[in-house]
Protein backbone atom coordinates (compact mmCIF):
# COMPACT_ATOMS: atom_id res chain seq x y z
CA MET A 1 -51.83 26.91 -44.86
CA HIS A 2 -51.80 28.02 -41.30
CA ALA A 3 -49.77 26.20 -38.72
CA GLN A 4 -51.96 24.76 -36.01
CA SER A 5 -51.58 26.72 -32.80
CA GLN A 6 -50.49 24.85 -29.65
CA ILE A 7 -51.60 25.76 -26.25
CA TYR A 8 -49.35 24.85 -23.39
CA ASP A 9 -50.70 24.39 -19.88
CA PHE A 10 -47.75 25.82 -17.90
CA GLY A 11 -49.65 25.01 -14.71
CA ALA A 12 -49.65 21.33 -15.64
CA ILE A 13 -45.98 21.48 -16.57
CA ASN A 14 -45.06 22.98 -13.20
CA ARG A 15 -47.20 20.47 -11.36
CA GLY A 16 -45.37 17.66 -13.10
CA ALA A 17 -41.99 19.14 -12.13
CA VAL A 18 -43.19 19.51 -8.51
CA GLU A 19 -44.25 15.84 -8.45
CA SER A 20 -40.91 14.75 -10.01
CA ALA A 21 -39.03 16.81 -7.30
CA ARG A 22 -41.09 15.20 -4.48
CA GLU A 23 -40.29 11.73 -5.83
CA GLU A 24 -36.57 12.61 -5.82
CA LEU A 25 -36.86 13.89 -2.25
CA GLU A 26 -38.59 10.74 -1.14
CA SER A 27 -35.89 8.60 -2.78
CA VAL A 28 -33.16 10.43 -0.89
CA ARG A 29 -35.09 10.13 2.37
CA ALA A 30 -35.53 6.46 1.85
CA ILE A 31 -31.76 6.03 1.45
CA ALA A 32 -31.25 8.02 4.68
CA ARG A 33 -33.71 5.89 6.54
CA GLU A 34 -32.14 2.70 5.25
CA HIS A 35 -28.73 3.75 6.80
CA GLN A 36 -29.91 5.58 9.89
CA LEU A 37 -28.82 2.85 12.22
CA GLU A 38 -25.28 3.65 11.09
CA PHE A 39 -25.61 7.28 12.26
CA SER A 40 -23.93 8.68 15.38
CA LEU A 41 -26.19 9.99 18.06
CA GLU A 42 -25.60 13.50 16.98
CA THR A 43 -26.28 12.63 13.31
CA MET A 44 -29.39 10.69 14.28
CA HIS A 45 -30.74 13.69 16.19
CA SER A 46 -30.02 16.01 13.25
CA TRP A 47 -31.65 13.56 10.81
CA LEU A 48 -34.84 12.99 12.93
CA GLU A 49 -35.21 16.75 13.34
CA LEU A 50 -34.79 17.34 9.61
CA ASP A 51 -37.07 14.48 8.63
CA HIS A 52 -39.86 15.78 11.00
CA SER A 53 -39.47 19.29 9.62
CA ILE A 54 -39.71 18.05 6.03
CA GLU A 55 -43.20 16.68 6.76
CA ASP A 56 -44.29 19.97 8.36
CA ARG A 57 -42.85 21.99 5.39
CA LEU A 58 -44.44 19.74 2.82
CA ASP A 59 -47.88 20.05 4.55
CA ASP A 60 -47.38 23.78 4.45
CA LEU A 61 -46.65 23.77 0.79
CA ASP A 62 -49.67 21.55 0.10
CA GLY A 63 -51.79 24.17 1.70
CA ARG A 64 -50.58 26.90 -0.54
CA MET A 65 -50.69 25.06 -3.91
CA SER A 66 -53.85 27.02 -4.84
CA GLU A 67 -52.09 30.37 -4.71
CA GLU A 68 -50.64 32.07 -7.74
CA THR A 69 -47.01 31.02 -8.54
CA ALA A 70 -47.26 28.52 -5.66
CA GLU A 71 -45.95 25.72 -7.91
CA ASP A 72 -42.69 27.55 -8.69
CA VAL A 73 -42.23 28.26 -4.96
CA ALA A 74 -42.97 24.64 -4.06
CA LEU A 75 -40.54 23.34 -6.67
CA ALA A 76 -37.74 25.51 -5.29
CA ARG A 77 -38.39 24.61 -1.73
CA ILE A 78 -38.75 20.83 -2.36
CA ARG A 79 -35.39 20.90 -4.22
CA GLU A 80 -33.83 22.72 -1.26
CA LEU A 81 -35.14 20.08 1.11
CA THR A 82 -33.59 17.44 -1.07
CA ARG A 83 -30.25 19.28 -0.93
CA GLU A 84 -30.53 19.47 2.87
CA VAL A 85 -30.91 15.70 3.17
CA GLU A 86 -28.00 15.11 0.68
CA ARG A 87 -25.80 17.48 2.57
CA LEU A 88 -26.48 15.79 5.90
CA MET A 89 -25.77 12.36 4.34
CA GLU A 90 -22.64 13.53 2.51
CA ARG A 91 -21.35 15.22 5.64
CA HIS A 92 -21.70 12.08 7.69
CA SER A 93 -20.67 9.52 5.04
CA CYS A 94 -24.17 8.06 4.83
CA TYR A 95 -23.42 6.46 1.50
CA PRO A 96 -20.83 3.95 2.81
CA ALA A 97 -18.90 1.35 0.86
CA SER A 98 -20.87 -1.28 2.87
CA ALA A 99 -23.96 -0.19 0.88
CA VAL A 100 -22.45 -1.38 -2.43
CA MET A 101 -19.88 -4.05 -1.44
CA ARG A 102 -20.31 -7.74 -2.15
CA THR A 103 -19.59 -10.13 0.68
CA ASP A 104 -19.62 -13.38 -1.32
CA VAL A 105 -15.97 -13.03 -2.45
CA SER A 106 -13.79 -15.73 -3.82
CA VAL A 107 -10.22 -15.61 -2.38
CA CYS A 108 -6.90 -17.34 -2.71
CA SER A 109 -3.69 -17.66 -0.74
CA PRO A 110 -0.06 -16.87 -1.71
CA ASN A 111 0.71 -20.60 -1.71
CA ASP A 112 -2.08 -21.54 -4.13
CA THR A 113 -1.03 -22.24 -7.76
CA LEU A 114 -2.10 -20.00 -10.56
CA GLU A 115 -4.03 -22.92 -11.99
CA GLN A 116 -6.15 -23.09 -8.76
CA ALA A 117 -6.63 -19.32 -8.95
CA ALA A 118 -7.60 -19.42 -12.56
CA ARG A 119 -10.13 -22.23 -11.86
CA LEU A 120 -11.71 -20.07 -9.09
CA MET A 121 -11.97 -17.13 -11.52
CA TRP A 122 -13.59 -19.42 -14.12
CA ASP A 123 -16.03 -20.99 -11.73
CA HIS A 124 -17.18 -17.80 -10.09
CA ASP A 125 -17.02 -15.62 -13.18
CA CYS A 126 -14.65 -12.98 -11.79
CA GLY A 127 -11.48 -11.34 -13.06
CA ALA A 128 -9.63 -10.85 -9.76
CA LEU A 129 -9.14 -12.48 -6.42
CA PRO A 130 -8.04 -10.95 -3.13
CA VAL A 131 -4.95 -12.74 -1.68
CA LEU A 132 -5.31 -13.48 2.03
CA ASP A 133 -2.85 -14.57 4.61
CA ASP A 134 -3.57 -17.19 7.23
CA ARG A 135 -5.42 -14.60 9.45
CA GLY A 136 -7.76 -13.49 6.65
CA ALA A 137 -5.93 -10.15 6.09
CA VAL A 138 -5.58 -8.85 2.51
CA LEU A 139 -2.08 -9.06 1.08
CA ALA A 140 -2.76 -8.22 -2.53
CA MET A 141 -5.01 -8.64 -5.56
CA LEU A 142 -4.45 -11.19 -8.23
CA THR A 143 -5.98 -10.48 -11.67
CA ASP A 144 -6.45 -12.71 -14.76
CA ARG A 145 -3.86 -10.43 -16.42
CA ASP A 146 -1.39 -11.19 -13.67
CA ILE A 147 -1.81 -14.94 -14.33
CA CYS A 148 -1.23 -14.56 -18.10
CA MET A 149 1.86 -12.39 -17.59
CA ALA A 150 3.31 -14.63 -14.95
CA THR A 151 3.03 -17.79 -17.03
CA PHE A 152 4.52 -16.00 -19.99
CA THR A 153 7.51 -14.33 -18.12
CA GLN A 154 8.22 -17.48 -16.09
CA ALA A 155 7.84 -19.78 -19.06
CA ARG A 156 6.01 -22.36 -16.92
CA PRO A 157 2.52 -23.73 -16.93
CA PRO A 158 0.14 -22.17 -14.31
CA GLY A 159 0.13 -25.36 -12.23
CA GLU A 160 3.78 -24.77 -11.53
CA CYS A 161 3.53 -21.08 -10.66
CA SER A 162 2.55 -19.76 -7.23
CA VAL A 163 0.11 -16.96 -6.66
CA ALA A 164 2.87 -15.27 -4.67
CA SER A 165 5.01 -15.09 -7.77
CA ALA A 166 2.31 -13.26 -9.75
CA MET A 167 0.38 -11.15 -7.27
CA SER A 168 0.73 -7.35 -6.91
CA ARG A 169 3.19 -6.16 -4.39
CA ALA A 170 0.91 -3.40 -3.11
CA CYS A 171 -2.81 -3.28 -2.42
CA CYS A 172 -5.17 -0.35 -1.89
CA THR A 173 -8.17 -1.02 0.34
CA CYS A 174 -11.07 0.92 1.98
CA ALA A 175 -13.12 0.55 5.17
CA PRO A 176 -16.87 -0.38 5.24
CA ASP A 177 -17.72 3.07 6.48
CA ASP A 178 -15.69 4.96 3.89
CA SER A 179 -18.04 6.94 1.68
CA ILE A 180 -18.73 5.93 -1.87
CA GLN A 181 -17.21 9.29 -2.95
CA ARG A 182 -13.95 8.24 -1.14
CA VAL A 183 -14.07 4.77 -2.83
CA LEU A 184 -14.24 6.50 -6.24
CA GLU A 185 -11.39 8.83 -5.32
CA ILE A 186 -9.16 5.79 -4.58
CA MET A 187 -10.20 4.02 -7.72
CA ALA A 188 -9.49 7.06 -9.83
CA SER A 189 -6.20 7.89 -8.14
CA HIS A 190 -4.80 4.39 -8.47
CA GLN A 191 -6.64 3.28 -11.60
CA LEU A 192 -8.44 0.35 -9.92
CA ARG A 193 -11.56 -1.37 -10.99
CA ARG A 194 -11.93 -3.29 -7.73
CA LEU A 195 -11.26 -2.41 -4.13
CA PRO A 196 -11.15 -4.78 -1.21
CA VAL A 197 -13.04 -3.64 1.93
CA VAL A 198 -11.29 -4.47 5.17
CA ASP A 199 -12.01 -4.07 8.86
CA SER A 200 -9.72 -2.31 11.43
CA LEU A 201 -7.52 -5.44 11.52
CA GLY A 202 -7.11 -5.48 7.75
CA LYS A 203 -9.30 -8.59 7.35
CA LEU A 204 -11.45 -8.83 4.25
CA VAL A 205 -15.18 -8.12 4.71
CA GLY A 206 -16.16 -7.55 1.14
CA ILE A 207 -15.15 -6.06 -2.24
CA VAL A 208 -16.44 -3.07 -4.26
CA SER A 209 -16.07 -2.89 -8.02
CA ILE A 210 -16.78 -0.02 -10.31
CA ALA A 211 -19.64 -2.00 -11.71
CA ASP A 212 -21.13 -2.42 -8.26
CA VAL A 213 -20.99 1.36 -7.78
CA ALA A 214 -22.57 2.02 -11.17
CA ARG A 215 -25.54 -0.31 -10.38
CA TYR A 216 -26.01 1.33 -7.04
CA MET A 217 -25.99 4.84 -8.66
CA ASN A 218 -28.47 3.68 -11.20
CA GLY A 219 -30.95 3.33 -8.36
CA LEU A 220 -30.42 6.92 -7.22
CA ALA A 221 -32.70 9.74 -8.33
CA PRO A 222 -31.75 11.53 -11.61
CA GLY A 223 -29.53 14.51 -10.88
CA HIS A 224 -28.20 12.98 -7.64
CA HIS A 225 -24.77 14.45 -6.86
CA LEU A 226 -23.17 11.01 -6.72
CA ARG A 227 -24.07 10.26 -10.29
CA GLU A 228 -21.75 13.06 -11.40
CA LEU A 229 -18.74 11.30 -10.01
CA LEU A 230 -18.92 8.08 -12.06
CA ALA A 231 -17.83 9.37 -15.50
CA PRO A 232 -14.66 11.06 -14.27
CA THR A 233 -13.72 8.00 -12.36
CA LEU A 234 -14.17 5.67 -15.34
CA ALA A 235 -12.12 8.19 -17.48
CA ALA A 236 -9.29 8.14 -14.89
CA ILE A 237 -9.35 4.38 -14.55
CA THR A 238 -9.03 3.80 -18.33
CA ASP A 239 -6.45 6.46 -19.10
CA ASN A 240 -3.45 4.49 -20.26
CA ASN A 241 -1.27 7.55 -20.35
CA ARG A 242 -1.63 8.15 -16.65
CA GLY A 243 0.48 6.71 -13.94
CA PRO A 244 3.29 4.11 -13.89
CA ALA A 245 2.84 0.67 -15.40
CA SER A 246 3.11 -0.89 -11.96
CA MET A 247 0.10 1.07 -10.76
CA ARG A 248 -1.94 0.07 -13.87
CA HIS A 249 -0.89 -3.54 -13.15
CA MET A 250 -2.81 -3.33 -9.90
CA SER A 251 -6.15 -2.73 -11.68
């Protein structure tokens, strides 16, 4: 019994790869356009020049697609164009924390009771609250774990314990224009799942969670360089053998 021979259309395979590469390029260009208002004048000039040249180079490739091995050449050149856009955006932090942060943040004050804080967490389905002072500046983060440990160690009901008695004594933050890569570095270094985003005065403008970053990355093209950063960050955050207990307490 003879095995049925299979004939592969390598031209069709290459054309499919070219189309996939073009879709990835368009996805990266769309992200750049979405954030171009955040560019400096120098970056905007570089971006507009690059974006215009991409159109010319794609038109040139389209005109050569009938030539032998043109698909392989097109694939390599399209991928290089994608890398050019990514390098420009990475160089100028065009994937900022502001792109993934949530602005509808529930907060508490140091004078609130743990019962009030726990009610907020329950009502808004969240596991942590930024603690703000009277000016709206971030003092600390309060987690559901903090509440449990405080009521246990103080041997008092949560209605008799203040947020100040349970909140962390240090708080890492980031700025709205910090890159997502920088956000992940802070999370990994300090084993944090949530990071308050503050303005130049330290006032809260939003919050970024590792889940927010994961959802954002899910919308990026396959193979995007930012996708490679998520798994190491998660591994660092969940490594119980790393860092002092006080640092893990902050997560």
